[in-house]
């Protein structure tokens, strides 16, 4: 089933239209359901990482991920944050971290703005460049300042929330 931006619908990994990152050797897979090309205002992706995957990142968009299997650990700003099955991981734009995957895991990611707006290229263009061995720009962004911090949800740092955090 294709993404329809004006319809209420359920999606699974079987609905992924484009696996933008597939590295069989390392076990890293990111598959998009929706982005700018599909008429979406947000990116919607399924992610699978095999145990042992590790990489540095700083996303040029705000992302929320729900871990659906396994767990992942993020090292960021002197903190270690672990999100387990059923928990939500917030990843604010521009906040650098390192993903460390100790067990096979899967998650659903939603981010704003879309990949295309954040990186200045479509997912297909990005995949074509990386398939050709080129490393596209990261779509740089500055993290939010301290004036945004505080409260239960702090958009200046990565956090994990579970059902017990609902008030």
Foldseek 3Di string as FASTA:
>chain_A
DADDQVDDDDDDPVQFPDFLDDDPVQAWTKTWRDFVVNVDQKTKIKIKGAAPDKDKDAAQWKKKKAWQAAKKWKDFPNDIAIEGHQKIKIHAHRGMIMIHGHHITMMMMMTPGGPCVQQVHDSVVCSVCVVVVHDGDRSHDHADDCVQADDPDGNRDMHMDHPVPDD
